Amino acid sequence: MGNDADAQRDRIGRIVKELFPHGLVKYDATPDAIGFAVLDNNTSTVLAATSTPLRVHDLTGKSDDWLRKFISQLGGGDI
């Protein structure tokens, strides 16, 4: 499962960079779920954050487009 979690973290990081080039992703350390916050790398302001971790299994079934929309919604549509 670790490989799946790493792959999903990489995918989240890639999509955050697409949406916000100066974004930095901070992850919660859980083996089978991924919680994260998107920070402005210049100011350390939290731009978006999950309220509960997302299960790795659920993320693997979601498209990149779904993940882009999800991250954008986390930021109130501002990302």
PDB file of N, CA and C in Angstrom:
ATOM      1  N   MET A   1       0.834  -1.203   0.000  1.00  0.00           N
ATOM      2  CA  MET A   1       0.000   0.000   0.000  1.00  0.00           C
ATOM      3  C   MET A   1       0.865   1.248   0.000  1.00  0.00           C
ATOM      4  N   GLY A   2       2.093   1.162   0.525  1.00  0.00           N
ATOM      5  CA  GLY A   2       2.973   2.322   0.574  1.00  0.00           C
ATOM      6  C   GLY A   2       3.237   2.918  -0.790  1.00  0.00           C
ATOM      7  N   ASN A   3       3.424   2.045  -1.797  1.00  0.00           N
ATOM      8  CA  ASN A   3       3.659   2.533  -3.149  1.00  0.00           C
ATOM      9  C   ASN A   3       2.467   3.315  -3.666  1.00  0.00           C
ATOM     10  N   ASP A   4       1.259   2.828  -3.375  1.00  0.00           N
ATOM     11  CA  ASP A   4       0.057   3.541  -3.783  1.00  0.00           C
ATOM     12  C   ASP A   4      -0.023   4.908  -3.097  1.00  0.00           C
ATOM     13  N   ALA A   5       0.287   4.944  -1.807  1.00  0.00           N
ATOM     14  CA  ALA A   5       0.246   6.210  -1.066  1.00  0.00           C
ATOM     15  C   ALA A   5       1.276   7.185  -1.623  1.00  0.00           C
ATOM     16  N   ASP A   6       2.481   6.693  -1.906  1.00  0.00           N
ATOM     17  CA  ASP A   6       3.516   7.562  -2.484  1.00  0.00           C
ATOM     18  C   ASP A   6       3.085   8.092  -3.849  1.00  0.00           C
ATOM     19  N   ALA A   7       2.491   7.224  -4.650  1.00  0.00           N
ATOM     20  CA  ALA A   7       2.033   7.639  -5.979  1.00  0.00           C
ATOM     21  C   ALA A   7       0.952   8.709  -5.867  1.00  0.00           C
ATOM     22  N   GLN A   8       0.049   8.558  -4.910  1.00  0.00           N
ATOM     23  CA  GLN A   8      -1.020   9.546  -4.746  1.00  0.00           C
ATOM     24  C   GLN A   8      -0.460  10.867  -4.205  1.00  0.00           C
ATOM     25  N   ARG A   9       0.505  10.802  -3.300  1.00  0.00           N
ATOM     26  CA  ARG A   9       1.144  12.038  -2.816  1.00  0.00           C
ATOM     27  C   ARG A   9       1.840  12.759  -3.967  1.00  0.00           C
ATOM     28  N   ASP A  10       2.533  12.002  -4.813  1.00  0.00           N
ATOM     29  CA  ASP A  10       3.193  12.596  -5.982  1.00  0.00           C
ATOM     30  C   ASP A  10       2.164  13.248  -6.902  1.00  0.00           C
ATOM     31  N   ARG A  11       1.049  12.576  -7.092  1.00  0.00           N
ATOM     32  CA  ARG A  11      -0.007  13.107  -7.971  1.00  0.00           C
ATOM     33  C   ARG A  11      -0.608  14.375  -7.390  1.00  0.00           C
ATOM     34  N   ILE A  12      -0.879  14.385  -6.093  1.00  0.00           N
ATOM     35  CA  ILE A  12      -1.399  15.591  -5.436  1.00  0.00           C
ATOM     36  C   ILE A  12      -0.403  16.728  -5.591  1.00  0.00           C
ATOM     37  N   GLY A  13       0.864  16.455  -5.341  1.00  0.00           N
ATOM     38  CA  GLY A  13       1.897  17.489  -5.473  1.00  0.00           C
ATOM     39  C   GLY A  13       1.974  18.050  -6.882  1.00  0.00           C
ATOM     40  N   ARG A  14       1.887  17.181  -7.881  1.00  0.00           N
ATOM     41  CA  ARG A  14       1.942  17.622  -9.281  1.00  0.00           C
ATOM     42  C   ARG A  14       0.751  18.516  -9.610  1.00  0.00           C
ATOM     43  N   ILE A  15      -0.427  18.126  -9.161  1.00  0.00           N
ATOM     44  CA  ILE A  15      -1.626  18.901  -9.461  1.00  0.00           C
ATOM     45  C   ILE A  15      -1.613  20.233  -8.721  1.00  0.00           C
ATOM     46  N   VAL A  16      -1.145  20.247  -7.483  1.00  0.00           N
ATOM     47  CA  VAL A  16      -1.030  21.518  -6.753  1.00  0.00           C
ATOM     48  C   VAL A  16      -0.099  22.460  -7.509  1.00  0.00           C
ATOM     49  N   LYS A  17       1.009  21.951  -8.029  1.00  0.00           N
ATOM     50  CA  LYS A  17       1.936  22.799  -8.797  1.00  0.00           C
ATOM     51  C   LYS A  17       1.288  23.351 -10.063  1.00  0.00           C
ATOM     52  N   GLU A  18       0.402  22.562 -10.679  1.00  0.00           N
ATOM     53  CA  GLU A  18      -0.320  23.047 -11.858  1.00  0.00           C
ATOM     54  C   GLU A  18      -1.259  24.188 -11.479  1.00  0.00           C
ATOM     55  N   LEU A  19      -1.966  24.008 -10.366  1.00  0.00           N
ATOM     56  CA  LEU A  19      -2.955  24.995  -9.945  1.00  0.00           C
ATOM     57  C   LEU A  19      -2.330  26.225  -9.315  1.00  0.00           C
ATOM     58  N   PHE A  20      -1.263  26.017  -8.565  1.00  0.00           N
ATOM     59  CA  PHE A  20      -0.627  27.110  -7.833  1.00  0.00           C
ATOM     60  C   PHE A  20       0.883  26.886  -7.836  1.00  0.00           C
ATOM     61  N   PRO A  21       1.596  27.474  -8.792  1.00  0.00           N
ATOM     62  CA  PRO A  21       3.032  27.207  -8.941  1.00  0.00           C
ATOM     63  C   PRO A  21       3.869  27.470  -7.682  1.00  0.00           C
ATOM     64  N   HIS A  22       3.420  28.373  -6.826  1.00  0.00           N
ATOM     65  CA  HIS A  22       4.172  28.661  -5.607  1.00  0.00           C
ATOM     66  C   HIS A  22       3.621  27.894  -4.407  1.00  0.00           C
ATOM     67  N   GLY A  23       2.782  26.879  -4.680  1.00  0.00           N
ATOM     68  CA  GLY A  23       2.189  26.095  -3.601  1.00  0.00           C
ATOM     69  C   GLY A  23       3.149  25.037  -3.079  1.00  0.00           C
ATOM     70  N   LEU A  24       3.008  24.751  -1.825  1.00  0.00           N
ATOM     71  CA  LEU A  24       3.792  23.723  -1.152  1.00  0.00           C
ATOM     72  C   LEU A  24       2.804  22.819  -0.432  1.00  0.00           C
ATOM     73  N   VAL A  25       2.952  21.517  -0.577  1.00  0.00           N
ATOM     74  CA  VAL A  25       2.031  20.577   0.047  1.00  0.00           C
ATOM     75  C   VAL A  25       2.681  19.987   1.292  1.00  0.00           C
ATOM     76  N   LYS A  26       1.968  20.042   2.400  1.00  0.00           N
ATOM     77  CA  LYS A  26       2.389  19.405   3.652  1.00  0.00           C
ATOM     78  C   LYS A  26       1.418  18.258   3.894  1.00  0.00           C
ATOM     79  N   TYR A  27       1.964  17.060   4.091  1.00  0.00           N
ATOM     80  CA  TYR A  27       1.144  15.865   4.264  1.00  0.00           C
ATOM     81  C   TYR A  27       1.094  15.434   5.718  1.00  0.00           C
ATOM     82  N   ASP A  28      -0.059  14.868   6.116  1.00  0.00           N
ATOM     83  CA  ASP A  28      -0.176  14.181   7.396  1.00  0.00           C
ATOM     84  C   ASP A  28       0.418  12.789   7.214  1.00  0.00           C
ATOM     85  N   ALA A  29       1.054  12.310   8.246  1.00  0.00           N
ATOM     86  CA  ALA A  29       1.694  10.996   8.172  1.00  0.00           C
ATOM     87  C   ALA A  29       0.726   9.900   8.594  1.00  0.00           C
ATOM     88  N   THR A  30       0.048   9.316   7.634  1.00  0.00           N
ATOM     89  CA  THR A  30      -0.802   8.154   7.872  1.00  0.00           C
ATOM     90  C   THR A  30      -0.540   7.157   6.748  1.00  0.00           C
ATOM     91  N   PRO A  31      -0.489   5.867   7.051  1.00  0.00           N
ATOM     92  CA  PRO A  31      -0.107   4.888   6.025  1.00  0.00           C
ATOM     93  C   PRO A  31      -1.156   4.618   4.954  1.00  0.00           C
ATOM     94  N   ASP A  32      -2.437   4.649   5.296  1.00  0.00           N
ATOM     95  CA  ASP A  32      -3.455   4.268   4.326  1.00  0.00           C
ATOM     96  C   ASP A  32      -4.407   5.401   3.960  1.00  0.00           C
ATOM     97  N   ALA A  33      -4.103   6.591   4.428  1.00  0.00           N
ATOM     98  CA  ALA A  33      -4.923   7.762   4.103  1.00  0.00           C
ATOM     99  C   ALA A  33      -4.005   8.966   3.966  1.00  0.00           C
ATOM    100  N   ILE A  34      -4.459   9.948   3.203  1.00  0.00           N
ATOM    101  CA  ILE A  34      -3.642  11.135   2.946  1.00  0.00           C
ATOM    102  C   ILE A  34      -4.416  12.380   3.337  1.00  0.00           C
ATOM    103  N   GLY A  35      -3.920  13.058   4.328  1.00  0.00           N
ATOM    104  CA  GLY A  35      -4.410  14.381   4.674  1.00  0.00           C
ATOM    105  C   GLY A  35      -3.344  15.369   4.226  1.00  0.00           C
ATOM    106  N   PHE A  36      -3.750  16.537   3.797  1.00  0.00           N
ATOM    107  CA  PHE A  36      -2.748  17.491   3.335  1.00  0.00           C
ATOM    108  C   PHE A  36      -3.249  18.922   3.448  1.00  0.00           C
ATOM    109  N   ALA A  37      -2.289  19.810   3.457  1.00  0.00           N
ATOM    110  CA  ALA A  37      -2.566  21.242   3.411  1.00  0.00           C
ATOM    111  C   ALA A  37      -1.724  21.829   2.290  1.00  0.00           C
ATOM    112  N   VAL A  38      -2.283  22.806   1.604  1.00  0.00           N
ATOM    113  CA  VAL A  38      -1.548  23.526   0.563  1.00  0.00           C
ATOM    114  C   VAL A  38      -1.185  24.885   1.150  1.00  0.00           C
ATOM    115  N   LEU A  39       0.108  25.165   1.167  1.00  0.00           N
ATOM    116  CA  LEU A  39       0.615  26.427   1.697  1.00  0.00           C
ATOM    117  C   LEU A  39       1.175  27.272   0.575  1.00  0.00           C
ATOM    118  N   ASP A  40       1.086  28.582   0.714  1.00  0.00           N
ATOM    119  CA  ASP A  40       1.780  29.491  -0.184  1.00  0.00           C
ATOM    120  C   ASP A  40       3.246  29.437   0.221  1.00  0.00           C
ATOM    121  N   ASN A  41       4.092  29.004  -0.668  1.00  0.00           N
ATOM    122  CA  ASN A  41       5.512  28.819  -0.359  1.00  0.00           C
ATOM    123  C   ASN A  41       6.201  30.134  -0.003  1.00  0.00           C
ATOM    124  N   ASN A  42       5.645  31.247  -0.446  1.00  0.00           N
ATOM    125  CA  ASN A  42       6.262  32.545  -0.164  1.00  0.00           C
ATOM    126  C   ASN A  42       5.875  33.098   1.207  1.00  0.00           C
ATOM    127  N   THR A  43       4.627  32.830   1.629  1.00  0.00           N
ATOM    128  CA  THR A  43       4.137  33.439   2.873  1.00  0.00           C
ATOM    129  C   THR A  43       3.757  32.422   3.948  1.00  0.00           C
ATOM    130  N   SER A  44       3.764  31.137   3.615  1.00  0.00           N
ATOM    131  CA  SER A  44       3.337  30.046   4.507  1.00  0.00           C
ATOM    132  C   SER A  44       1.855  30.133   4.882  1.00  0.00           C
ATOM    133  N   THR A  45       1.088  30.911   4.151  1.00  0.00           N
ATOM    134  CA  THR A  45      -0.355  31.003   4.355  1.00  0.00           C
ATOM    135  C   THR A  45      -1.013  29.706   3.902  1.00  0.00           C
ATOM    136  N   VAL A  46      -1.938  29.168   4.688  1.00  0.00           N
ATOM    137  CA  VAL A  46      -2.677  27.970   4.293  1.00  0.00           C
ATOM    138  C   VAL A  46      -3.711  28.375   3.253  1.00  0.00           C
ATOM    139  N   LEU A  47      -3.605  27.773   2.085  1.00  0.00           N
ATOM    140  CA  LEU A  47      -4.523  28.068   0.989  1.00  0.00           C
ATOM    141  C   LEU A  47      -5.679  27.074   0.939  1.00  0.00           C
ATOM    142  N   ALA A  48      -5.407  25.856   1.365  1.00  0.00           N
ATOM    143  CA  ALA A  48      -6.410  24.798   1.341  1.00  0.00           C
ATOM    144  C   ALA A  48      -5.939  23.685   2.259  1.00  0.00           C
ATOM    145  N   ALA A  49      -6.889  22.953   2.828  1.00  0.00           N
ATOM    146  CA  ALA A  49      -6.528  21.823   3.682  1.00  0.00           C
ATOM    147  C   ALA A  49      -7.692  20.847   3.764  1.00  0.00           C
ATOM    148  N   THR A  50      -7.355  19.569   3.831  1.00  0.00           N
ATOM    149  CA  THR A  50      -8.385  18.565   4.020  1.00  0.00           C
ATOM    150  C   THR A  50      -8.804  18.573   5.490  1.00  0.00           C
ATOM    151  N   SER A  51     -10.090  18.375   5.733  1.00  0.00           N
ATOM    152  CA  SER A  51     -10.561  18.300   7.118  1.00  0.00           C
ATOM    153  C   SER A  51     -10.393  16.890   7.667  1.00  0.00           C
ATOM    154  N   THR A  52     -10.483  15.905   6.809  1.00  0.00           N
ATOM    155  CA  THR A  52     -10.223  14.517   7.175  1.00  0.00           C
ATOM    156  C   THR A  52      -9.368  13.902   6.072  1.00  0.00           C
ATOM    157  N   PRO A  53      -8.496  12.969   6.429  1.00  0.00           N
ATOM    158  CA  PRO A  53      -7.658  12.333   5.402  1.00  0.00           C
ATOM    159  C   PRO A  53      -8.497  11.568   4.381  1.00  0.00           C
ATOM    160  N   LEU A  54      -7.996  11.530   3.170  1.00  0.00           N
ATOM    161  CA  LEU A  54      -8.637  10.780   2.086  1.00  0.00           C
ATOM    162  C   LEU A  54      -8.001   9.400   2.014  1.00  0.00           C
ATOM    163  N   ARG A  55      -8.813   8.374   1.905  1.00  0.00           N
ATOM    164  CA  ARG A  55      -8.268   7.023   1.825  1.00  0.00           C
ATOM    165  C   ARG A  55      -7.546   6.831   0.492  1.00  0.00           C
ATOM    166  N   VAL A  56      -6.358   6.236   0.572  1.00  0.00           N
ATOM    167  CA  VAL A  56      -5.553   6.008  -0.628  1.00  0.00           C
ATOM    168  C   VAL A  56      -6.359   5.217  -1.652  1.00  0.00           C
ATOM    169  N   HIS A  57      -7.057   4.201  -1.204  1.00  0.00           N
ATOM    170  CA  HIS A  57      -7.860   3.359  -2.109  1.00  0.00           C
ATOM    171  C   HIS A  57      -8.878   4.203  -2.882  1.00  0.00           C
ATOM    172  N   ASP A  58      -9.508   5.165  -2.208  1.00  0.00           N
ATOM    173  CA  ASP A  58     -10.492   6.023  -2.880  1.00  0.00           C
ATOM    174  C   ASP A  58      -9.828   6.938  -3.900  1.00  0.00           C
ATOM    175  N   LEU A  59      -8.657   7.461  -3.561  1.00  0.00           N
ATOM    176  CA  LEU A  59      -7.958   8.370  -4.479  1.00  0.00           C
ATOM    177  C   LEU A  59      -7.512   7.679  -5.755  1.00  0.00           C
ATOM    178  N   THR A  60      -7.114   6.410  -5.657  1.00  0.00           N
ATOM    179  CA  THR A  60      -6.638   5.716  -6.859  1.00  0.00           C
ATOM    180  C   THR A  60      -7.739   5.571  -7.902  1.00  0.00           C
ATOM    181  N   GLY A  61      -8.997   5.593  -7.469  1.00  0.00           N
ATOM    182  CA  GLY A  61     -10.111   5.479  -8.402  1.00  0.00           C
ATOM    183  C   GLY A  61     -10.597   6.798  -8.962  1.00  0.00           C
ATOM    184  N   LYS A  62     -10.006   7.895  -8.545  1.00  0.00           N
ATOM    185  CA  LYS A  62     -10.430   9.224  -8.996  1.00  0.00           C
ATOM    186  C   LYS A  62      -9.498   9.731 -10.094  1.00  0.00           C
ATOM    187  N   SER A  63     -10.065  10.466 -11.024  1.00  0.00           N
ATOM    188  CA  SER A  63      -9.273  11.022 -12.127  1.00  0.00           C
ATOM    189  C   SER A  63      -8.492  12.259 -11.664  1.00  0.00           C
ATOM    190  N   ASP A  64      -7.511  12.647 -12.453  1.00  0.00           N
ATOM    191  CA  ASP A  64      -6.775  13.879 -12.176  1.00  0.00           C
ATOM    192  C   ASP A  64      -7.716  15.080 -12.203  1.00  0.00           C
ATOM    193  N   ASP A  65      -8.678  15.071 -13.116  1.00  0.00           N
ATOM    194  CA  ASP A  65      -9.627  16.178 -13.206  1.00  0.00           C
ATOM    195  C   ASP A  65     -10.452  16.290 -11.922  1.00  0.00           C
ATOM    196  N   TRP A  66     -10.891  15.155 -11.383  1.00  0.00           N
ATOM    197  CA  TRP A  66     -11.630  15.162 -10.117  1.00  0.00           C
ATOM    198  C   TRP A  66     -10.759  15.736  -9.003  1.00  0.00           C
ATOM    199  N   LEU A  67      -9.504  15.322  -8.970  1.00  0.00           N
ATOM    200  CA  LEU A  67      -8.591  15.791  -7.929  1.00  0.00           C
ATOM    201  C   LEU A  67      -8.323  17.297  -8.055  1.00  0.00           C
ATOM    202  N   ARG A  68      -8.186  17.798  -9.281  1.00  0.00           N
ATOM    203  CA  ARG A  68      -8.028  19.243  -9.493  1.00  0.00           C
ATOM    204  C   ARG A  68      -9.220  20.011  -8.923  1.00  0.00           C
ATOM    205  N   LYS A  69     -10.415  19.541  -9.248  1.00  0.00           N
ATOM    206  CA  LYS A  69     -11.628  20.207  -8.753  1.00  0.00           C
ATOM    207  C   LYS A  69     -11.721  20.127  -7.231  1.00  0.00           C
ATOM    208  N   PHE A  70     -11.371  18.981  -6.666  1.00  0.00           N
ATOM    209  CA  PHE A  70     -11.407  18.804  -5.220  1.00  0.00           C
ATOM    210  C   PHE A  70     -10.458  19.779  -4.533  1.00  0.00           C
ATOM    211  N   ILE A  71      -9.228  19.874  -5.013  1.00  0.00           N
ATOM    212  CA  ILE A  71      -8.244  20.774  -4.415  1.00  0.00           C
ATOM    213  C   ILE A  71      -8.694  22.217  -4.562  1.00  0.00           C
ATOM    214  N   SER A  72      -9.240  22.561  -5.713  1.00  0.00           N
ATOM    215  CA  SER A  72      -9.736  23.916  -5.920  1.00  0.00           C
ATOM    216  C   SER A  72     -10.860  24.237  -4.948  1.00  0.00           C
ATOM    217  N   GLN A  73     -11.772  23.289  -4.738  1.00  0.00           N
ATOM    218  CA  GLN A  73     -12.869  23.498  -3.793  1.00  0.00           C
ATOM    219  C   GLN A  73     -12.365  23.643  -2.358  1.00  0.00           C
ATOM    220  N   LEU A  74     -11.307  22.889  -2.021  1.00  0.00           N
ATOM    221  CA  LEU A  74     -10.734  23.030  -0.671  1.00  0.00           C
ATOM    222  C   LEU A  74     -10.280  24.462  -0.421  1.00  0.00           C
ATOM    223  N   GLY A  75      -9.799  25.094  -1.478  1.00  0.00           N
ATOM    224  CA  GLY A  75      -9.330  26.480  -1.351  1.00  0.00           C
ATOM    225  C   GLY A  75     -10.426  27.496  -1.585  1.00  0.00           C
ATOM    226  N   GLY A  76     -11.669  27.081  -1.510  1.00  0.00           N
ATOM    227  CA  GLY A  76     -12.784  27.984  -1.713  1.00  0.00           C
ATOM    228  C   GLY A  76     -12.931  28.440  -3.151  1.00  0.00           C
ATOM    229  N   GLY A  77     -12.347  27.672  -4.075  1.00  0.00           N
ATOM    230  CA  GLY A  77     -12.409  28.017  -5.490  1.00  0.00           C
ATOM    231  C   GLY A  77     -11.386  29.062  -5.905  1.00  0.00           C
ATOM    232  N   ASP A  78     -10.532  29.484  -4.953  1.00  0.00           N
ATOM    233  CA  ASP A  78      -9.540  30.516  -5.240  1.00  0.00           C
ATOM    234  C   ASP A  78      -8.252  29.962  -5.849  1.00  0.00           C
ATOM    235  N   ILE A  79      -8.083  28.663  -5.810  1.00  0.00           N
ATOM    236  CA  ILE A  79      -6.859  28.076  -6.359  1.00  0.00           C
ATOM    237  C   ILE A  79      -7.132  27.706  -7.795  1.00  0.00           C
TER     238      ILE A  79
END
